[in-house]
Amino acid sequence: MICCIILIRLIRSMPGHSPTLPRSAPHRQKLLDGFAVTASLLCLIHCLLLPTLLIALPVLATMLAVPESFHAAAFAIAVPTSILAMWSGVVRHGRRAPVLVAALGLTLLGIGAFAIDSELAERAVTSIGAVTLAIAHVANWRTRPRCSEVTR
């Protein structure tokens, strides 16, 4: 919840933000990127803070075991959300750099979730992937105000 509040305040402080945007394509783009950034941040929090909490409080470790299927489910949500957000961003602003960064982030998330056996390495690769993906969505988001200059 706190992440969402911080994210909303960050959005409102961005140049070009208008609180009276109509519910149109730019508004949907903003919502998709906002959802994707929030999901990436939640993934990062999960990867970094939950293990620390479980180490610090061994009693919770037995009660809050996160199944391996969690990573597959999170990845299954991240891929279509990111593809949709990036695709609609490219349609609006034509910049492909955020897509390439997002592809790198999703690749790292996939490697961390499915291809690494070491818990420490998995956490490191997944965290880097989540941060990379969040950076891609923020870059996609920041190009949004410039979209009004492009006429289609």
C-alpha atoms as a PDB file:
ATOM      1  CA  MET A   1       0.000   0.000   0.000  1.00  0.00           C
ATOM      2  CA  ILE A   2       2.805   2.399   0.884  1.00  0.00           C
ATOM      3  CA  CYS A   3       4.503   1.618  -2.454  1.00  0.00           C
ATOM      4  CA  CYS A   4       1.309   2.560  -4.290  1.00  0.00           C
ATOM      5  CA  ILE A   5       1.045   5.877  -2.430  1.00  0.00           C
ATOM      6  CA  ILE A   6       4.686   6.693  -3.153  1.00  0.00           C
ATOM      7  CA  LEU A   7       4.205   5.695  -6.791  1.00  0.00           C
ATOM      8  CA  ILE A   8       1.128   7.920  -7.148  1.00  0.00           C
ATOM      9  CA  ARG A   9       2.996  10.877  -5.642  1.00  0.00           C
ATOM     10  CA  LEU A  10       5.917  10.207  -7.967  1.00  0.00           C
ATOM     11  CA  ILE A  11       3.582  10.160 -10.955  1.00  0.00           C
ATOM     12  CA  ARG A  12       1.936  13.420  -9.919  1.00  0.00           C
ATOM     13  CA  SER A  13       5.319  15.104  -9.594  1.00  0.00           C
ATOM     14  CA  MET A  14       6.410  14.061 -13.102  1.00  0.00           C
ATOM     15  CA  PRO A  15       6.498  16.739 -15.795  1.00  0.00           C
ATOM     16  CA  GLY A  16       3.476  16.645 -18.040  1.00  0.00           C
ATOM     17  CA  HIS A  17       1.200  14.999 -15.477  1.00  0.00           C
ATOM     18  CA  SER A  18      -2.343  16.252 -15.701  1.00  0.00           C
ATOM     19  CA  PRO A  19      -4.864  15.141 -13.061  1.00  0.00           C
ATOM     20  CA  THR A  20      -7.711  15.759 -15.539  1.00  0.00           C
ATOM     21  CA  LEU A  21      -6.575  13.361 -18.267  1.00  0.00           C
ATOM     22  CA  PRO A  22      -9.510  11.815 -20.123  1.00  0.00           C
ATOM     23  CA  ARG A  23      -9.877   8.042 -20.087  1.00  0.00           C
ATOM     24  CA  SER A  24      -8.155   7.617 -23.416  1.00  0.00           C
ATOM     25  CA  ALA A  25      -5.143   5.774 -24.799  1.00  0.00           C
ATOM     26  CA  PRO A  26      -2.588   7.927 -22.897  1.00  0.00           C
ATOM     27  CA  HIS A  27      -4.480   7.291 -19.658  1.00  0.00           C
ATOM     28  CA  ARG A  28      -4.502   3.536 -20.264  1.00  0.00           C
ATOM     29  CA  GLN A  29      -0.789   3.701 -21.057  1.00  0.00           C
ATOM     30  CA  LYS A  30      -0.172   5.469 -17.759  1.00  0.00           C
ATOM     31  CA  LEU A  31      -2.192   2.855 -15.881  1.00  0.00           C
ATOM     32  CA  LEU A  32      -0.396  -0.060 -17.560  1.00  0.00           C
ATOM     33  CA  ASP A  33       3.048   1.365 -16.875  1.00  0.00           C
ATOM     34  CA  GLY A  34       2.025   2.243 -13.330  1.00  0.00           C
ATOM     35  CA  PHE A  35       0.825  -1.285 -12.719  1.00  0.00           C
ATOM     36  CA  ALA A  36       4.003  -2.713 -14.217  1.00  0.00           C
ATOM     37  CA  VAL A  37       6.288  -0.455 -12.146  1.00  0.00           C
ATOM     38  CA  THR A  38       4.345  -1.340  -9.006  1.00  0.00           C
ATOM     39  CA  ALA A  39       4.611  -5.064  -9.805  1.00  0.00           C
ATOM     40  CA  SER A  40       8.363  -4.713 -10.358  1.00  0.00           C
ATOM     41  CA  LEU A  41       8.763  -2.873  -7.058  1.00  0.00           C
ATOM     42  CA  LEU A  42       6.730  -5.492  -5.222  1.00  0.00           C
ATOM     43  CA  CYS A  43       8.901  -8.190  -6.781  1.00  0.00           C
ATOM     44  CA  LEU A  44      12.018  -6.377  -5.617  1.00  0.00           C
ATOM     45  CA  ILE A  45      10.611  -5.990  -2.106  1.00  0.00           C
ATOM     46  CA  HIS A  46       9.706  -9.680  -2.070  1.00  0.00           C
ATOM     47  CA  CYS A  47      13.174 -10.711  -3.252  1.00  0.00           C
ATOM     48  CA  LEU A  48      15.113  -8.513  -0.827  1.00  0.00           C
ATOM     49  CA  LEU A  49      13.006  -7.993   2.280  1.00  0.00           C
ATOM     50  CA  LEU A  50      11.154 -11.267   2.707  1.00  0.00           C
ATOM     51  CA  PRO A  51      14.307 -13.404   2.962  1.00  0.00           C
ATOM     52  CA  THR A  52      15.795 -10.899   5.411  1.00  0.00           C
ATOM     53  CA  LEU A  53      12.626 -11.013   7.489  1.00  0.00           C
ATOM     54  CA  LEU A  54      12.615 -14.806   7.411  1.00  0.00           C
ATOM     55  CA  ILE A  55      16.238 -14.936   8.552  1.00  0.00           C
ATOM     56  CA  ALA A  56      15.633 -12.395  11.309  1.00  0.00           C
ATOM     57  CA  LEU A  57      12.494 -14.110  12.562  1.00  0.00           C
ATOM     58  CA  PRO A  58      12.921 -17.895  12.320  1.00  0.00           C
ATOM     59  CA  VAL A  59       9.478 -18.471  13.777  1.00  0.00           C
ATOM     60  CA  LEU A  60       7.891 -16.899  10.690  1.00  0.00           C
ATOM     61  CA  ALA A  61       9.968 -19.076   8.361  1.00  0.00           C
ATOM     62  CA  THR A  62       7.822 -22.089   9.156  1.00  0.00           C
ATOM     63  CA  MET A  63       4.559 -20.177   8.732  1.00  0.00           C
ATOM     64  CA  LEU A  64       5.333 -18.060   5.652  1.00  0.00           C
ATOM     65  CA  ALA A  65       7.015 -20.486   3.305  1.00  0.00           C
ATOM     66  CA  VAL A  66       6.692 -19.149  -0.240  1.00  0.00           C
ATOM     67  CA  PRO A  67       6.141 -21.957  -2.742  1.00  0.00           C
ATOM     68  CA  GLU A  68       8.273 -22.155  -5.877  1.00  0.00           C
ATOM     69  CA  SER A  69       5.105 -21.705  -7.927  1.00  0.00           C
ATOM     70  CA  PHE A  70       5.011 -18.080  -6.708  1.00  0.00           C
ATOM     71  CA  HIS A  71       7.909 -17.181  -9.004  1.00  0.00           C
ATOM     72  CA  ALA A  72       6.245 -18.817 -11.994  1.00  0.00           C
ATOM     73  CA  ALA A  73       2.982 -16.990 -11.263  1.00  0.00           C
ATOM     74  CA  ALA A  74       4.760 -13.644 -10.825  1.00  0.00           C
ATOM     75  CA  PHE A  75       6.625 -14.180 -14.091  1.00  0.00           C
ATOM     76  CA  ALA A  76       3.373 -15.166 -15.835  1.00  0.00           C
ATOM     77  CA  ILE A  77       1.878 -11.826 -14.749  1.00  0.00           C
ATOM     78  CA  ALA A  78       4.988  -9.752 -15.542  1.00  0.00           C
ATOM     79  CA  VAL A  79       5.403 -10.956 -19.139  1.00  0.00           C
ATOM     80  CA  PRO A  80       1.984 -10.077 -20.627  1.00  0.00           C
ATOM     81  CA  THR A  81       1.687  -6.880 -18.581  1.00  0.00           C
ATOM     82  CA  SER A  82       5.095  -5.698 -19.737  1.00  0.00           C
ATOM     83  CA  ILE A  83       4.498  -6.687 -23.354  1.00  0.00           C
ATOM     84  CA  LEU A  84       1.192  -4.818 -23.424  1.00  0.00           C
ATOM     85  CA  ALA A  85       2.618  -1.711 -21.734  1.00  0.00           C
ATOM     86  CA  MET A  86       5.713  -1.636 -23.934  1.00  0.00           C
ATOM     87  CA  TRP A  87       3.788  -2.292 -27.133  1.00  0.00           C
ATOM     88  CA  SER A  88       1.288   0.489 -26.467  1.00  0.00           C
ATOM     89  CA  GLY A  89       4.196   2.787 -25.574  1.00  0.00           C
ATOM     90  CA  VAL A  90       5.966   2.087 -28.870  1.00  0.00           C
ATOM     91  CA  VAL A  91       2.721   2.712 -30.743  1.00  0.00           C
ATOM     92  CA  ARG A  92       2.381   6.084 -28.993  1.00  0.00           C
ATOM     93  CA  HIS A  93       5.954   7.369 -29.010  1.00  0.00           C
ATOM     94  CA  GLY A  94       7.899   5.076 -31.358  1.00  0.00           C
ATOM     95  CA  ARG A  95      10.914   4.659 -29.065  1.00  0.00           C
ATOM     96  CA  ARG A  96      12.257   1.117 -28.850  1.00  0.00           C
ATOM     97  CA  ALA A  97      14.901   1.587 -26.144  1.00  0.00           C
ATOM     98  CA  PRO A  98      12.454   0.942 -23.251  1.00  0.00           C
ATOM     99  CA  VAL A  99      11.373  -2.285 -24.985  1.00  0.00           C
ATOM    100  CA  LEU A 100      14.964  -3.531 -25.194  1.00  0.00           C
ATOM    101  CA  VAL A 101      15.571  -2.740 -21.520  1.00  0.00           C
ATOM    102  CA  ALA A 102      12.283  -4.459 -20.590  1.00  0.00           C
ATOM    103  CA  ALA A 103      13.296  -7.527 -22.612  1.00  0.00           C
ATOM    104  CA  LEU A 104      16.563  -7.683 -20.681  1.00  0.00           C
ATOM    105  CA  GLY A 105      14.697  -7.353 -17.365  1.00  0.00           C
ATOM    106  CA  LEU A 106      12.191 -10.064 -18.276  1.00  0.00           C
ATOM    107  CA  THR A 107      15.002 -12.336 -19.435  1.00  0.00           C
ATOM    108  CA  LEU A 108      16.797 -11.909 -16.111  1.00  0.00           C
ATOM    109  CA  LEU A 109      13.554 -12.550 -14.213  1.00  0.00           C
ATOM    110  CA  GLY A 110      12.979 -15.718 -16.233  1.00  0.00           C
ATOM    111  CA  ILE A 111      16.527 -16.938 -15.669  1.00  0.00           C
ATOM    112  CA  GLY A 112      16.254 -16.223 -11.960  1.00  0.00           C
ATOM    113  CA  ALA A 113      12.891 -17.940 -11.654  1.00  0.00           C
ATOM    114  CA  PHE A 114      13.529 -21.027 -13.780  1.00  0.00           C
ATOM    115  CA  ALA A 115      17.215 -21.611 -14.531  1.00  0.00           C
ATOM    116  CA  ILE A 116      19.193 -20.991 -11.336  1.00  0.00           C
ATOM    117  CA  ASP A 117      19.360 -23.451  -8.447  1.00  0.00           C
ATOM    118  CA  SER A 118      21.391 -21.383  -5.971  1.00  0.00           C
ATOM    119  CA  GLU A 119      19.111 -19.304  -3.761  1.00  0.00           C
ATOM    120  CA  LEU A 120      21.626 -16.462  -3.455  1.00  0.00           C
ATOM    121  CA  ALA A 121      22.248 -16.311  -7.219  1.00  0.00           C
ATOM    122  CA  GLU A 122      18.513 -16.576  -7.905  1.00  0.00           C
ATOM    123  CA  ARG A 123      17.810 -13.660  -5.576  1.00  0.00           C
ATOM    124  CA  ALA A 124      20.572 -11.543  -7.154  1.00  0.00           C
ATOM    125  CA  VAL A 125      19.560 -12.208 -10.776  1.00  0.00           C
ATOM    126  CA  THR A 126      15.855 -11.787 -10.032  1.00  0.00           C
ATOM    127  CA  SER A 127      16.463  -8.517  -8.161  1.00  0.00           C
ATOM    128  CA  ILE A 128      18.558  -7.107 -10.995  1.00  0.00           C
ATOM    129  CA  GLY A 129      15.853  -8.199 -13.446  1.00  0.00           C
ATOM    130  CA  ALA A 130      13.109  -6.515 -11.388  1.00  0.00           C
ATOM    131  CA  VAL A 131      15.061  -3.260 -11.165  1.00  0.00           C
ATOM    132  CA  THR A 132      15.870  -3.384 -14.889  1.00  0.00           C
ATOM    133  CA  LEU A 133      12.216  -3.984 -15.738  1.00  0.00           C
ATOM    134  CA  ALA A 134      11.107  -1.131 -13.464  1.00  0.00           C
ATOM    135  CA  ILE A 135      13.633   1.186 -15.163  1.00  0.00           C
ATOM    136  CA  ALA A 136      12.218   0.184 -18.563  1.00  0.00           C
ATOM    137  CA  HIS A 137       8.662   0.967 -17.479  1.00  0.00           C
ATOM    138  CA  VAL A 138       9.696   4.306 -15.991  1.00  0.00           C
ATOM    139  CA  ALA A 139      11.508   5.165 -19.255  1.00  0.00           C
ATOM    140  CA  ASN A 140       8.405   4.149 -21.218  1.00  0.00           C
ATOM    141  CA  TRP A 141       6.295   6.239 -18.862  1.00  0.00           C
ATOM    142  CA  ARG A 142       8.538   9.309 -19.081  1.00  0.00           C
ATOM    143  CA  THR A 143       8.226   9.400 -22.859  1.00  0.00           C
ATOM    144  CA  ARG A 144       4.441   9.647 -22.484  1.00  0.00           C
ATOM    145  CA  PRO A 145       4.256  13.457 -22.063  1.00  0.00           C
ATOM    146  CA  ARG A 146       6.094  13.867 -25.361  1.00  0.00           C
ATOM    147  CA  CYS A 147       3.432  11.778 -27.091  1.00  0.00           C
ATOM    148  CA  SER A 148       1.151  14.808 -27.373  1.00  0.00           C
ATOM    149  CA  GLU A 149       3.670  16.301 -29.798  1.00  0.00           C
ATOM    150  CA  VAL A 150       3.259  13.348 -32.173  1.00  0.00           C
ATOM    151  CA  THR A 151       0.194  13.344 -34.382  1.00  0.00           C
ATOM    152  CA  ARG A 152      -1.020  10.092 -35.862  1.00  0.00           C
END
